N, C-alpha and C. Protein backbone atom coordinates (compact mmCIF):
# COMPACT_ATOMS: atom_id res chain seq x y z
N UNK A 1 74.02 58.47 121.93
CA UNK A 1 75.11 58.37 122.06
C UNK A 1 75.33 57.12 124.16
N UNK A 2 76.22 55.98 123.33
CA UNK A 2 77.06 54.96 124.50
C UNK A 2 78.17 55.88 125.29
N UNK A 3 78.40 55.72 126.26
CA UNK A 3 79.42 55.83 126.90
C UNK A 3 80.57 54.37 126.14
N UNK A 4 80.68 53.24 126.32
CA UNK A 4 81.13 53.23 125.07
C UNK A 4 81.89 53.46 123.59
N UNK A 5 80.99 54.13 123.03
CA UNK A 5 81.51 54.46 121.60
C UNK A 5 82.28 55.73 121.75
N UNK A 6 82.06 56.09 123.32
CA UNK A 6 83.94 56.87 123.80
C UNK A 6 85.30 56.35 124.13
N UNK A 7 85.64 55.55 123.00
CA UNK A 7 87.14 54.28 123.03
C UNK A 7 87.28 54.99 122.71
N UNK A 8 89.01 55.85 124.08
CA UNK A 8 90.21 56.62 123.33
C UNK A 8 91.21 56.08 124.07
N UNK A 9 91.98 56.68 123.29
CA UNK A 9 94.41 55.48 123.58
C UNK A 9 93.78 57.02 124.80
N UNK A 10 93.21 56.88 126.07
CA UNK A 10 94.32 57.76 127.08
C UNK A 10 95.11 57.49 126.77
N UNK A 11 95.88 56.67 127.66
CA UNK A 11 97.21 56.27 127.20
C UNK A 11 98.36 57.35 126.52
N UNK A 12 97.52 57.42 125.43
CA UNK A 12 98.64 57.69 123.20
C UNK A 12 97.87 59.46 124.45
N UNK A 13 97.42 59.58 124.21
CA UNK A 13 97.33 61.36 124.97
C UNK A 13 97.94 61.56 125.32
N UNK A 14 97.37 60.93 126.75
CA UNK A 14 98.69 61.32 127.55
C UNK A 14 100.19 61.69 127.64
N UNK A 15 100.60 60.76 126.74
CA UNK A 15 101.82 60.70 126.29
C UNK A 15 102.19 61.81 125.68
N UNK A 16 101.39 61.91 124.34
CA UNK A 16 101.76 63.33 123.37
C UNK A 16 101.39 64.02 124.86
N UNK A 17 100.37 64.64 125.20
CA UNK A 17 100.43 66.20 126.14
C UNK A 17 101.50 66.22 126.67
N UNK A 18 101.77 65.62 128.36
CA UNK A 18 102.84 65.12 128.58
C UNK A 18 104.50 65.81 127.07
N UNK A 19 104.53 65.33 126.01
CA UNK A 19 105.92 65.23 125.08
C UNK A 19 105.43 66.73 124.95
N UNK A 20 104.51 67.97 124.99
CA UNK A 20 104.99 69.30 125.32
C UNK A 20 104.15 70.15 126.53
N UNK A 21 104.64 69.50 127.75
CA UNK A 21 104.92 70.33 128.63
C UNK A 21 106.31 70.45 128.43
N UNK A 22 106.53 72.41 129.45
CA UNK A 22 107.89 72.33 129.06
C UNK A 22 108.94 71.15 130.80
N UNK A 23 109.94 71.73 130.77
CA UNK A 23 110.34 71.01 132.01
C UNK A 23 109.93 70.92 134.09
N UNK A 24 109.45 71.95 133.51
CA UNK A 24 109.32 72.44 134.67
C UNK A 24 107.92 72.00 135.28
N UNK A 25 106.86 72.34 133.70
CA UNK A 25 105.47 71.66 134.04
C UNK A 25 105.13 70.15 133.25
N UNK A 26 106.77 68.82 133.00
CA UNK A 26 106.27 67.98 133.14
C UNK A 26 106.49 66.68 135.28
N UNK A 27 107.28 67.46 134.93
CA UNK A 27 107.27 67.47 136.56
C UNK A 27 106.98 67.63 137.26
N UNK A 28 105.42 68.79 137.61
CA UNK A 28 104.99 68.82 137.86
C UNK A 28 103.99 67.58 137.97
N UNK A 29 103.53 67.14 136.68
CA UNK A 29 102.15 66.33 136.53
C UNK A 29 102.59 65.17 136.26
N UNK A 30 104.19 65.12 136.72
CA UNK A 30 104.18 63.64 137.01
C UNK A 30 104.66 62.88 138.43
N UNK A 31 103.90 64.72 139.31
CA UNK A 31 103.91 64.67 140.70
C UNK A 31 102.46 64.70 140.90
N UNK A 32 101.68 65.20 140.19
CA UNK A 32 100.66 65.08 140.66
C UNK A 32 99.91 63.47 140.34
N UNK A 33 100.43 63.11 139.31
CA UNK A 33 99.43 62.05 138.79
C UNK A 33 100.15 60.00 139.49
N UNK A 34 101.55 60.83 139.90
CA UNK A 34 102.02 60.24 141.00
C UNK A 34 101.18 59.55 142.33
N UNK A 35 100.48 61.32 142.58
CA UNK A 35 99.93 61.38 144.14
C UNK A 35 98.40 60.53 143.97
N UNK A 36 97.77 60.76 142.23
CA UNK A 36 96.58 60.37 142.42
C UNK A 36 96.68 59.01 142.09
N UNK A 37 97.80 58.26 141.46
CA UNK A 37 98.35 56.65 141.84
C UNK A 37 98.66 56.43 143.24
N UNK A 38 99.39 56.27 144.72
CA UNK A 38 98.79 56.01 145.48
C UNK A 38 100.69 55.19 145.87
N UNK A 39 100.55 54.45 146.47
CA UNK A 39 101.70 53.83 147.57
C UNK A 39 102.67 53.48 146.37
N UNK A 40 102.56 53.12 145.48
CA UNK A 40 103.79 53.21 144.37
C UNK A 40 103.62 53.98 143.38
N UNK A 41 103.40 55.02 143.99
CA UNK A 41 102.81 56.23 142.36
C UNK A 41 103.73 56.83 141.59
N UNK A 42 105.09 57.30 142.53
CA UNK A 42 105.87 56.93 141.56
C UNK A 42 107.08 56.89 140.94
N UNK A 43 106.92 55.17 141.58
CA UNK A 43 108.28 54.17 140.63
C UNK A 43 106.76 53.99 139.09
N UNK A 44 105.50 54.60 139.35
CA UNK A 44 104.70 53.52 138.46
C UNK A 44 104.69 55.10 137.51
N UNK A 45 104.73 56.06 137.48
CA UNK A 45 105.12 57.08 136.34
C UNK A 45 106.03 57.85 135.79
N UNK A 46 106.99 56.76 136.68
CA UNK A 46 109.17 57.03 136.59
C UNK A 46 108.93 56.07 135.46
N UNK A 47 108.49 54.89 135.31
CA UNK A 47 108.45 53.13 133.96
C UNK A 47 107.43 54.65 132.58
N UNK A 48 106.19 54.57 133.09
CA UNK A 48 105.60 55.43 132.33
C UNK A 48 106.00 56.95 131.44
N UNK A 49 106.40 57.50 131.99
CA UNK A 49 107.23 58.39 131.43
C UNK A 49 109.15 58.84 130.82
N UNK A 50 109.59 57.74 131.69
CA UNK A 50 110.84 57.08 131.13
C UNK A 50 111.61 58.50 131.70
N UNK A 51 110.59 59.15 133.33
CA UNK A 51 111.39 59.36 134.40
C UNK A 51 112.18 59.11 135.90
N UNK A 52 113.48 60.44 136.22
CA UNK A 52 114.32 59.32 136.95
C UNK A 52 113.16 59.82 138.00
N UNK A 53 113.22 58.89 139.53
CA UNK A 53 111.60 58.95 140.43
C UNK A 53 112.34 60.33 141.78
N UNK A 54 113.54 60.69 141.15
CA UNK A 54 114.38 61.97 141.61
C UNK A 54 113.27 62.75 140.78
N UNK A 55 112.85 63.49 139.75
CA UNK A 55 111.89 63.72 139.31
C UNK A 55 110.67 64.32 139.38
N UNK A 56 110.16 62.57 140.41
CA UNK A 56 108.58 62.51 140.54
C UNK A 56 108.13 63.39 141.78
N UNK A 57 109.16 62.36 142.53
CA UNK A 57 109.32 63.41 144.09
C UNK A 57 109.33 64.84 143.90
N UNK A 58 110.23 65.31 142.80
CA UNK A 58 110.83 66.45 143.24
C UNK A 58 109.42 67.17 143.24
N UNK A 59 108.56 66.79 142.26
CA UNK A 59 107.42 67.05 141.12
C UNK A 59 106.42 66.82 142.64
N UNK A 60 106.25 66.56 143.96
CA UNK A 60 105.45 66.29 144.48
C UNK A 60 105.84 67.36 145.26
N UNK A 61 106.82 67.29 145.01
CA UNK A 61 107.25 67.71 147.29
C UNK A 61 106.31 69.38 146.39
N UNK A 62 107.11 69.65 144.75
CA UNK A 62 106.68 71.51 144.42
C UNK A 62 104.97 71.36 144.43
N UNK A 63 104.60 70.21 144.27
CA UNK A 63 103.39 70.66 144.48
C UNK A 63 102.46 71.00 146.64
N UNK A 64 103.20 70.76 146.82
CA UNK A 64 102.97 70.31 147.90
C UNK A 64 103.75 71.31 149.22
N UNK A 65 104.10 71.32 148.81
CA UNK A 65 104.60 73.44 148.88
C UNK A 65 104.41 74.56 147.85
N UNK A 66 103.49 74.31 147.08
CA UNK A 66 103.32 75.52 146.34
C UNK A 66 104.42 76.41 146.19
N UNK A 67 104.78 75.32 145.86
CA UNK A 67 106.04 75.93 145.10
C UNK A 67 106.11 77.20 143.89
N UNK A 68 106.40 78.33 143.98
CA UNK A 68 105.22 79.25 142.86
C UNK A 68 107.03 80.32 142.27
N UNK A 69 106.99 79.65 140.65
CA UNK A 69 108.38 80.05 141.28
C UNK A 69 108.09 80.52 140.10
N UNK A 70 109.46 81.86 139.64
CA UNK A 70 110.00 82.79 139.00
C UNK A 70 109.32 83.28 137.18
N UNK A 71 108.35 84.65 136.89
CA UNK A 71 108.03 84.10 136.07
C UNK A 71 108.85 83.96 134.75
N UNK A 72 107.88 83.40 134.10
CA UNK A 72 108.18 82.83 132.26
C UNK A 72 110.28 82.23 132.17
N UNK A 73 110.21 81.64 134.06
CA UNK A 73 111.80 81.08 134.07
C UNK A 73 111.54 79.18 133.97
N UNK A 74 112.45 79.16 133.34
CA UNK A 74 112.06 76.93 133.41
C UNK A 74 113.62 76.56 134.34
N UNK A 75 114.51 77.75 133.58
CA UNK A 75 115.59 76.85 134.28
C UNK A 75 116.15 77.47 135.62
N UNK A 76 116.43 76.78 136.79
CA UNK A 76 117.08 78.05 137.49
C UNK A 76 118.11 78.67 137.19
N UNK A 77 118.11 79.80 138.13
CA UNK A 77 119.73 80.72 136.96
C UNK A 77 121.02 80.03 137.20
N UNK A 78 121.90 80.61 136.81
CA UNK A 78 123.03 79.58 136.66
C UNK A 78 123.29 78.90 136.52
N UNK A 79 122.98 77.81 135.60
CA UNK A 79 121.85 76.02 135.08
C UNK A 79 123.12 76.74 133.87
N UNK A 80 123.16 75.43 133.89
CA UNK A 80 123.98 74.91 131.94
C UNK A 80 125.14 75.45 131.67
N UNK A 81 125.44 74.87 130.92
CA UNK A 81 127.15 76.14 130.08
C UNK A 81 127.93 76.73 130.70
N UNK A 82 128.80 76.69 131.09
CA UNK A 82 129.09 78.62 131.18
C UNK A 82 129.97 79.02 129.63
N UNK A 83 129.76 79.55 129.65
CA UNK A 83 130.19 80.56 127.91
C UNK A 83 131.13 80.57 127.72
N UNK A 84 131.51 80.11 126.87
CA UNK A 84 133.23 79.55 126.22
C UNK A 84 134.06 81.02 126.26
N UNK A 85 133.33 82.47 126.66
CA UNK A 85 134.20 83.34 126.46
C UNK A 85 135.21 83.01 127.93
N UNK A 86 134.24 83.21 128.65
CA UNK A 86 134.68 82.98 129.88
C UNK A 86 135.60 81.98 130.45
N UNK A 87 135.14 80.46 129.97
CA UNK A 87 136.33 79.44 129.58
C UNK A 87 138.42 79.66 128.90
N UNK A 88 137.58 80.23 128.15
CA UNK A 88 138.71 80.71 127.69
C UNK A 88 139.65 81.71 128.64
N UNK A 89 138.47 82.67 128.70
CA UNK A 89 139.42 83.62 130.10
C UNK A 89 140.52 83.49 130.64
N UNK A 90 140.19 82.04 131.91
CA UNK A 90 140.01 81.32 132.60
C UNK A 90 140.99 80.69 131.81
N UNK A 91 141.35 80.33 131.36
CA UNK A 91 142.83 79.44 130.84
C UNK A 91 143.48 80.55 130.62
N UNK A 92 143.28 81.36 130.13
CA UNK A 92 144.36 82.52 130.24
C UNK A 92 145.27 83.03 131.56
N UNK A 93 144.80 82.78 132.34
CA UNK A 93 144.67 83.20 133.21
C UNK A 93 145.57 82.06 134.32
N UNK A 94 144.44 81.35 133.95
CA UNK A 94 145.69 80.01 134.44
C UNK A 94 147.40 79.94 133.98
N UNK A 95 146.49 79.66 132.72
CA UNK A 95 148.21 80.05 132.13
C UNK A 95 150.29 80.63 132.04
N UNK A 96 148.45 81.82 132.36
CA UNK A 96 149.93 83.29 132.37
C UNK A 96 150.31 83.21 134.21
N UNK A 97 149.12 81.91 135.41
CA UNK A 97 149.90 82.13 136.55
C UNK A 97 151.34 81.42 136.85
N UNK A 98 151.06 80.10 135.82
CA UNK A 98 151.78 78.86 135.01
C UNK A 98 153.00 79.40 135.27
N UNK A 99 152.78 80.59 133.66
CA UNK A 99 154.16 80.95 132.61
C UNK A 99 154.55 81.83 134.22
N UNK A 100 154.11 82.46 135.19
CA UNK A 100 154.91 83.34 136.19
C UNK A 100 155.66 82.63 136.86
N UNK A 101 154.93 81.70 137.69
CA UNK A 101 155.63 81.23 138.80
C UNK A 101 156.95 80.32 138.30
N UNK A 102 156.31 79.55 136.52
CA UNK A 102 158.01 78.67 136.57
C UNK A 102 158.95 79.45 136.20
N UNK A 103 158.99 81.17 136.08
CA UNK A 103 160.15 82.19 135.58
C UNK A 103 160.41 82.15 136.41
């Protein structure tokens, strides 16, 4: 077989592979691709995968510093929305404090 017989659509396979990575793995992969691309790598990778430039830079930084995450954690502790029960409890405390000061 000749080399020309292996005509794969690499760009499509890269995007398919990228879509199945976790949030952190996507960031690291984007950082690695930007490092391979050179001077305008961050901008090129940002456009290619539709992610923000800061995300690509953060991926590069994590690779360069060899930051190792906690086991099985994708997001940092404390991220995301607060639980509804905590919100409603906070609102009731604020309301009772407001009513107490008005009387």
